[in-house]
Amino acid sequence: PVDVIVAAAPDEGAINEKVAPTVKATVICE
């Protein structure tokens, strides 16, 4: 339960159809 996610991990495709529905943040910075 955070406001911002900074996605800085070198893992292409990590935020997929299984992970995306769980996101509670308002903003994701890729």
PDB file of all heavy atoms in Angstrom:
ATOM      1  N   PRO A   1       0.825  -1.212   0.000  1.00  0.00           N
ATOM      2  CA  PRO A   1       0.000   0.000   0.000  1.00  0.00           C
ATOM      3  C   PRO A   1       0.862   1.267   0.000  1.00  0.00           C
ATOM      4  O   PRO A   1       1.024   1.935   1.027  1.00  0.00           O
ATOM      5  CB  PRO A   1      -0.801  -0.133   1.294  1.00  0.00           C
ATOM      6  CG  PRO A   1       0.109  -0.908   2.203  1.00  0.00           C
ATOM      7  CD  PRO A   1       0.839  -1.873   1.324  1.00  0.00           C
ATOM      8  N   VAL A   2       1.437   1.592  -1.151  1.00  0.00           N
ATOM      9  CA  VAL A   2       2.286   2.775  -1.287  1.00  0.00           C
ATOM     10  C   VAL A   2       1.682   3.715  -2.334  1.00  0.00           C
ATOM     11  O   VAL A   2       0.833   3.324  -3.131  1.00  0.00           O
ATOM     12  CB  VAL A   2       3.728   2.388  -1.692  1.00  0.00           C
ATOM     13  CG1 VAL A   2       4.392   1.558  -0.598  1.00  0.00           C
ATOM     14  CG2 VAL A   2       3.746   1.626  -3.019  1.00  0.00           C
ATOM     15  N   ASP A   3       2.165   4.955  -2.342  1.00  0.00           N
ATOM     16  CA  ASP A   3       1.692   5.935  -3.317  1.00  0.00           C
ATOM     17  C   ASP A   3       2.449   5.843  -4.637  1.00  0.00           C
ATOM     18  O   ASP A   3       1.868   6.053  -5.707  1.00  0.00           O
ATOM     19  CB  ASP A   3       1.861   7.356  -2.750  1.00  0.00           C
ATOM     20  CG  ASP A   3       1.081   7.565  -1.464  1.00  0.00           C
ATOM     21  OD1 ASP A   3      -0.151   7.375  -1.501  1.00  0.00           O
ATOM     22  OD2 ASP A   3       1.689   7.906  -0.439  1.00  0.00           O
ATOM     23  N   VAL A   4       3.736   5.551  -4.553  1.00  0.00           N
ATOM     24  CA  VAL A   4       4.600   5.559  -5.744  1.00  0.00           C
ATOM     25  C   VAL A   4       5.456   4.295  -5.773  1.00  0.00           C
ATOM     26  O   VAL A   4       6.004   3.882  -4.744  1.00  0.00           O
ATOM     27  CB  VAL A   4       5.534   6.791  -5.737  1.00  0.00           C
ATOM     28  CG1 VAL A   4       6.491   6.756  -6.937  1.00  0.00           C
ATOM     29  CG2 VAL A   4       4.726   8.087  -5.740  1.00  0.00           C
ATOM     30  N   ILE A   5       5.549   3.690  -6.933  1.00  0.00           N
ATOM     31  CA  ILE A   5       6.493   2.590  -7.160  1.00  0.00           C
ATOM     32  C   ILE A   5       7.524   3.060  -8.171  1.00  0.00           C
ATOM     33  O   ILE A   5       7.176   3.549  -9.251  1.00  0.00           O
ATOM     34  CB  ILE A   5       5.789   1.327  -7.690  1.00  0.00           C
ATOM     35  CG1 ILE A   5       4.887   0.720  -6.606  1.00  0.00           C
ATOM     36  CG2 ILE A   5       6.806   0.295  -8.170  1.00  0.00           C
ATOM     37  CD1 ILE A   5       4.034  -0.428  -7.098  1.00  0.00           C
ATOM     38  N   VAL A   6       8.799   2.939  -7.815  1.00  0.00           N
ATOM     39  CA  VAL A   6       9.888   3.204  -8.749  1.00  0.00           C
ATOM     40  C   VAL A   6      10.389   1.848  -9.234  1.00  0.00           C
ATOM     41  O   VAL A   6      10.994   1.094  -8.467  1.00  0.00           O
ATOM     42  CB  VAL A   6      11.038   3.996  -8.078  1.00  0.00           C
ATOM     43  CG1 VAL A   6      12.191   4.180  -9.060  1.00  0.00           C
ATOM     44  CG2 VAL A   6      10.531   5.349  -7.593  1.00  0.00           C
ATOM     45  N   ALA A   7      10.085   1.514 -10.484  1.00  0.00           N
ATOM     46  CA  ALA A   7      10.474   0.217 -11.053  1.00  0.00           C
ATOM     47  C   ALA A   7      11.846   0.365 -11.705  1.00  0.00           C
ATOM     48  O   ALA A   7      11.964   0.835 -12.837  1.00  0.00           O
ATOM     49  CB  ALA A   7       9.442  -0.251 -12.067  1.00  0.00           C
ATOM     50  N   ALA A   8      12.889  -0.023 -10.966  1.00  0.00           N
ATOM     51  CA  ALA A   8      14.266   0.147 -11.445  1.00  0.00           C
ATOM     52  C   ALA A   8      15.002  -1.180 -11.583  1.00  0.00           C
ATOM     53  O   ALA A   8      16.209  -1.191 -11.818  1.00  0.00           O
ATOM     54  CB  ALA A   8      15.037   1.069 -10.492  1.00  0.00           C
ATOM     55  N   ALA A   9      14.295  -2.306 -11.431  1.00  0.00           N
ATOM     56  CA  ALA A   9      14.937  -3.618 -11.529  1.00  0.00           C
ATOM     57  C   ALA A   9      15.073  -4.035 -12.984  1.00  0.00           C
ATOM     58  O   ALA A   9      14.110  -3.925 -13.753  1.00  0.00           O
ATOM     59  CB  ALA A   9      14.118  -4.657 -10.763  1.00  0.00           C
ATOM     60  N   PRO A  10      16.254  -4.544 -13.393  1.00  0.00           N
ATOM     61  CA  PRO A  10      16.472  -4.938 -14.795  1.00  0.00           C
ATOM     62  C   PRO A  10      15.824  -6.274 -15.112  1.00  0.00           C
ATOM     63  O   PRO A  10      16.492  -7.278 -15.377  1.00  0.00           O
ATOM     64  CB  PRO A  10      17.998  -5.014 -14.892  1.00  0.00           C
ATOM     65  CG  PRO A  10      18.430  -5.393 -13.522  1.00  0.00           C
ATOM     66  CD  PRO A  10      17.463  -4.722 -12.576  1.00  0.00           C
ATOM     67  N   ASP A  11      14.512  -6.311 -15.081  1.00  0.00           N
ATOM     68  CA  ASP A  11      13.769  -7.551 -15.315  1.00  0.00           C
ATOM     69  C   ASP A  11      12.615  -7.250 -16.257  1.00  0.00           C
ATOM     70  O   ASP A  11      11.515  -6.896 -15.833  1.00  0.00           O
ATOM     71  CB  ASP A  11      13.256  -8.110 -13.981  1.00  0.00           C
ATOM     72  CG  ASP A  11      12.614  -9.488 -14.132  1.00  0.00           C
ATOM     73  OD1 ASP A  11      12.722 -10.068 -15.227  1.00  0.00           O
ATOM     74  OD2 ASP A  11      12.002  -9.971 -13.161  1.00  0.00           O
ATOM     75  N   GLU A  12      12.888  -7.402 -17.578  1.00  0.00           N
ATOM     76  CA  GLU A  12      11.871  -7.059 -18.573  1.00  0.00           C
ATOM     77  C   GLU A  12      10.609  -7.901 -18.384  1.00  0.00           C
ATOM     78  O   GLU A  12      10.684  -9.118 -18.216  1.00  0.00           O
ATOM     79  CB  GLU A  12      12.421  -7.261 -19.998  1.00  0.00           C
ATOM     80  CG  GLU A  12      13.493  -6.278 -20.410  1.00  0.00           C
ATOM     81  CD  GLU A  12      14.900  -6.748 -20.073  1.00  0.00           C
ATOM     82  OE1 GLU A  12      15.015  -7.816 -19.427  1.00  0.00           O
ATOM     83  OE2 GLU A  12      15.863  -6.053 -20.435  1.00  0.00           O
ATOM     84  N   GLY A  13       9.455  -7.245 -18.409  1.00  0.00           N
ATOM     85  CA  GLY A  13       8.186  -7.944 -18.337  1.00  0.00           C
ATOM     86  C   GLY A  13       7.768  -8.395 -16.953  1.00  0.00           C
ATOM     87  O   GLY A  13       6.855  -9.210 -16.809  1.00  0.00           O
ATOM     88  N   ALA A  14       8.394  -7.848 -15.905  1.00  0.00           N
ATOM     89  CA  ALA A  14       8.077  -8.290 -14.538  1.00  0.00           C
ATOM     90  C   ALA A  14       6.683  -7.876 -14.101  1.00  0.00           C
ATOM     91  O   ALA A  14       6.032  -8.570 -13.316  1.00  0.00           O
ATOM     92  CB  ALA A  14       9.112  -7.741 -13.562  1.00  0.00           C
ATOM     93  N   ILE A  15       6.200  -6.728 -14.587  1.00  0.00           N
ATOM     94  CA  ILE A  15       4.852  -6.269 -14.229  1.00  0.00           C
ATOM     95  C   ILE A  15       3.901  -6.787 -15.309  1.00  0.00           C
ATOM     96  O   ILE A  15       3.647  -6.131 -16.323  1.00  0.00           O
ATOM     97  CB  ILE A  15       4.796  -4.733 -14.113  1.00  0.00           C
ATOM     98  CG1 ILE A  15       5.884  -4.218 -13.171  1.00  0.00           C
ATOM     99  CG2 ILE A  15       3.424  -4.290 -13.608  1.00  0.00           C
ATOM    100  CD1 ILE A  15       5.982  -2.707 -13.095  1.00  0.00           C
ATOM    101  N   ASN A  16       3.411  -7.996 -15.089  1.00  0.00           N
ATOM    102  CA  ASN A  16       2.591  -8.670 -16.090  1.00  0.00           C
ATOM    103  C   ASN A  16       1.131  -8.732 -15.668  1.00  0.00           C
ATOM    104  O   ASN A  16       0.714  -8.067 -14.719  1.00  0.00           O
ATOM    105  CB  ASN A  16       3.152 -10.078 -16.347  1.00  0.00           C
ATOM    106  CG  ASN A  16       3.297 -10.880 -15.051  1.00  0.00           C
ATOM    107  OD1 ASN A  16       2.496 -10.738 -14.124  1.00  0.00           O
ATOM    108  ND2 ASN A  16       4.331 -11.701 -14.972  1.00  0.00           N
ATOM    109  N   GLU A  17       0.352  -9.560 -16.368  1.00  0.00           N
ATOM    110  CA  GLU A  17      -1.087  -9.620 -16.097  1.00  0.00           C
ATOM    111  C   GLU A  17      -1.394 -10.219 -14.728  1.00  0.00           C
ATOM    112  O   GLU A  17      -2.503 -10.033 -14.206  1.00  0.00           O
ATOM    113  CB  GLU A  17      -1.806 -10.422 -17.192  1.00  0.00           C
ATOM    114  CG  GLU A  17      -1.501 -11.915 -17.232  1.00  0.00           C
ATOM    115  CD  GLU A  17      -0.254 -12.235 -18.046  1.00  0.00           C
ATOM    116  OE1 GLU A  17       0.524 -11.308 -18.348  1.00  0.00           O
ATOM    117  OE2 GLU A  17      -0.054 -13.421 -18.372  1.00  0.00           O
ATOM    118  N   LYS A  18      -0.439 -10.927 -14.132  1.00  0.00           N
ATOM    119  CA  LYS A  18      -0.651 -11.485 -12.798  1.00  0.00           C
ATOM    120  C   LYS A  18      -0.320 -10.470 -11.703  1.00  0.00           C
ATOM    121  O   LYS A  18      -0.977 -10.432 -10.668  1.00  0.00           O
ATOM    122  CB  LYS A  18       0.201 -12.746 -12.621  1.00  0.00           C
ATOM    123  CG  LYS A  18      -0.196 -13.898 -13.527  1.00  0.00           C
ATOM    124  CD  LYS A  18       0.680 -15.110 -13.289  1.00  0.00           C
ATOM    125  CE  LYS A  18       0.285 -16.268 -14.206  1.00  0.00           C
ATOM    126  NZ  LYS A  18       1.168 -17.459 -13.998  1.00  0.00           N
ATOM    127  N   VAL A  19       0.707  -9.660 -11.943  1.00  0.00           N
ATOM    128  CA  VAL A  19       1.160  -8.704 -10.938  1.00  0.00           C
ATOM    129  C   VAL A  19       0.348  -7.412 -10.984  1.00  0.00           C
ATOM    130  O   VAL A  19       0.011  -6.837  -9.945  1.00  0.00           O
ATOM    131  CB  VAL A  19       2.660  -8.393 -11.132  1.00  0.00           C
ATOM    132  CG1 VAL A  19       3.122  -7.310 -10.168  1.00  0.00           C
ATOM    133  CG2 VAL A  19       3.488  -9.660 -10.949  1.00  0.00           C
ATOM    134  N   ALA A  20       0.025  -6.939 -12.183  1.00  0.00           N
ATOM    135  CA  ALA A  20      -0.631  -5.638 -12.345  1.00  0.00           C
ATOM    136  C   ALA A  20      -1.893  -5.465 -11.501  1.00  0.00           C
ATOM    137  O   ALA A  20      -2.107  -4.388 -10.923  1.00  0.00           O
ATOM    138  CB  ALA A  20      -0.931  -5.386 -13.817  1.00  0.00           C
ATOM    139  N   PRO A  21      -2.777  -6.484 -11.389  1.00  0.00           N
ATOM    140  CA  PRO A  21      -4.004  -6.284 -10.600  1.00  0.00           C
ATOM    141  C   PRO A  21      -3.744  -6.038  -9.119  1.00  0.00           C
ATOM    142  O   PRO A  21      -4.618  -5.530  -8.415  1.00  0.00           O
ATOM    143  CB  PRO A  21      -4.762  -7.607 -10.800  1.00  0.00           C
ATOM    144  CG  PRO A  21      -4.227  -8.186 -12.060  1.00  0.00           C
ATOM    145  CD  PRO A  21      -2.784  -7.795 -12.081  1.00  0.00           C
ATOM    146  N   THR A  22      -2.553  -6.383  -8.622  1.00  0.00           N
ATOM    147  CA  THR A  22      -2.261  -6.227  -7.193  1.00  0.00           C
ATOM    148  C   THR A  22      -1.729  -4.838  -6.852  1.00  0.00           C
ATOM    149  O   THR A  22      -1.617  -4.496  -5.666  1.00  0.00           O
ATOM    150  CB  THR A  22      -1.220  -7.263  -6.733  1.00  0.00           C
ATOM    151  OG1 THR A  22       0.067  -6.954  -7.292  1.00  0.00           O
ATOM    152  CG2 THR A  22      -1.613  -8.674  -7.158  1.00  0.00           C
ATOM    153  N   VAL A  23      -1.412  -4.040  -7.861  1.00  0.00           N
ATOM    154  CA  VAL A  23      -0.781  -2.739  -7.622  1.00  0.00           C
ATOM    155  C   VAL A  23      -1.768  -1.770  -6.973  1.00  0.00           C
ATOM    156  O   VAL A  23      -2.879  -1.563  -7.473  1.00  0.00           O
ATOM    157  CB  VAL A  23      -0.241  -2.139  -8.940  1.00  0.00           C
ATOM    158  CG1 VAL A  23       0.258  -0.705  -8.721  1.00  0.00           C
ATOM    159  CG2 VAL A  23       0.884  -3.013  -9.489  1.00  0.00           C
ATOM    160  N   LYS A  24      -1.343  -1.171  -5.875  1.00  0.00           N
ATOM    161  CA  LYS A  24      -2.181  -0.197  -5.165  1.00  0.00           C
ATOM    162  C   LYS A  24      -1.654   1.235  -5.314  1.00  0.00           C
ATOM    163  O   LYS A  24      -2.317   2.197  -4.910  1.00  0.00           O
ATOM    164  CB  LYS A  24      -2.261  -0.557  -3.683  1.00  0.00           C
ATOM    165  CG  LYS A  24      -2.869  -1.927  -3.413  1.00  0.00           C
ATOM    166  CD  LYS A  24      -2.850  -2.263  -1.937  1.00  0.00           C
ATOM    167  CE  LYS A  24      -3.494  -3.616  -1.665  1.00  0.00           C
ATOM    168  NZ  LYS A  24      -2.725  -4.742  -2.280  1.00  0.00           N
ATOM    169  N   ALA A  25      -0.470   1.380  -5.897  1.00  0.00           N
ATOM    170  CA  ALA A  25       0.147   2.695  -6.061  1.00  0.00           C
ATOM    171  C   ALA A  25      -0.636   3.550  -7.056  1.00  0.00           C
ATOM    172  O   ALA A  25      -1.334   3.027  -7.932  1.00  0.00           O
ATOM    173  CB  ALA A  25       1.587   2.549  -6.525  1.00  0.00           C
ATOM    174  N   THR A  26      -0.502   4.847  -6.925  1.00  0.00           N
ATOM    175  CA  THR A  26      -1.118   5.783  -7.876  1.00  0.00           C
ATOM    176  C   THR A  26      -0.233   5.997  -9.092  1.00  0.00           C
ATOM    177  O   THR A  26      -0.726   6.146 -10.211  1.00  0.00           O
ATOM    178  CB  THR A  26      -1.380   7.145  -7.196  1.00  0.00           C
ATOM    179  OG1 THR A  26      -2.207   6.936  -6.052  1.00  0.00           O
ATOM    180  CG2 THR A  26      -2.061   8.115  -8.149  1.00  0.00           C
ATOM    181  N   VAL A  27       1.092   5.999  -8.862  1.00  0.00           N
ATOM    182  CA  VAL A  27       2.048   6.272  -9.947  1.00  0.00           C
ATOM    183  C   VAL A  27       3.148   5.214  -9.949  1.00  0.00           C
ATOM    184  O   VAL A  27       3.659   4.822  -8.891  1.00  0.00           O
ATOM    185  CB  VAL A  27       2.696   7.669  -9.795  1.00  0.00           C
ATOM    186  CG1 VAL A  27       3.739   7.905 -10.887  1.00  0.00           C
ATOM    187  CG2 VAL A  27       1.635   8.759  -9.829  1.00  0.00           C
ATOM    188  N   ILE A  28       3.498   4.742 -11.138  1.00  0.00           N
ATOM    189  CA  ILE A  28       4.667   3.880 -11.329  1.00  0.00           C
ATOM    190  C   ILE A  28       5.662   4.619 -12.209  1.00  0.00           C
ATOM    191  O   ILE A  28       5.327   5.035 -13.319  1.00  0.00           O
ATOM    192  CB  ILE A  28       4.302   2.536 -11.985  1.00  0.00           C
ATOM    193  CG1 ILE A  28       3.375   1.718 -11.087  1.00  0.00           C
ATOM    194  CG2 ILE A  28       5.568   1.741 -12.305  1.00  0.00           C
ATOM    195  CD1 ILE A  28       2.941   0.395 -11.696  1.00  0.00           C
ATOM    196  N   CYS A  29       6.879   4.792 -11.696  1.00  0.00           N
ATOM    197  CA  CYS A  29       7.964   5.396 -12.474  1.00  0.00           C
ATOM    198  C   CYS A  29       8.851   4.282 -12.990  1.00  0.00           C
ATOM    199  O   CYS A  29       9.515   3.600 -12.202  1.00  0.00           O
ATOM    200  CB  CYS A  29       8.807   6.335 -11.602  1.00  0.00           C
ATOM    201  SG  CYS A  29       7.927   7.734 -10.957  1.00  0.00           S
ATOM    202  N   GLU A  30       8.913   4.117 -14.300  1.00  0.00           N
ATOM    203  CA  GLU A  30       9.694   3.034 -14.880  1.00  0.00           C
ATOM    204  C   GLU A  30      11.128   3.505 -15.176  1.00  0.00           C
ATOM    205  O   GLU A  30      11.422   3.925 -16.294  1.00  0.00           O
ATOM    206  CB  GLU A  30       9.034   2.524 -16.162  1.00  0.00           C
ATOM    207  CG  GLU A  30       7.708   1.835 -15.936  1.00  0.00           C
ATOM    208  CD  GLU A  30       7.151   1.208 -17.194  1.00  0.00           C
ATOM    209  OE1 GLU A  30       7.556   1.619 -18.325  1.00  0.00           O
ATOM    210  OE2 GLU A  30       6.302   0.311 -17.091  1.00  0.00           O
TER     211      GLU A  30
END
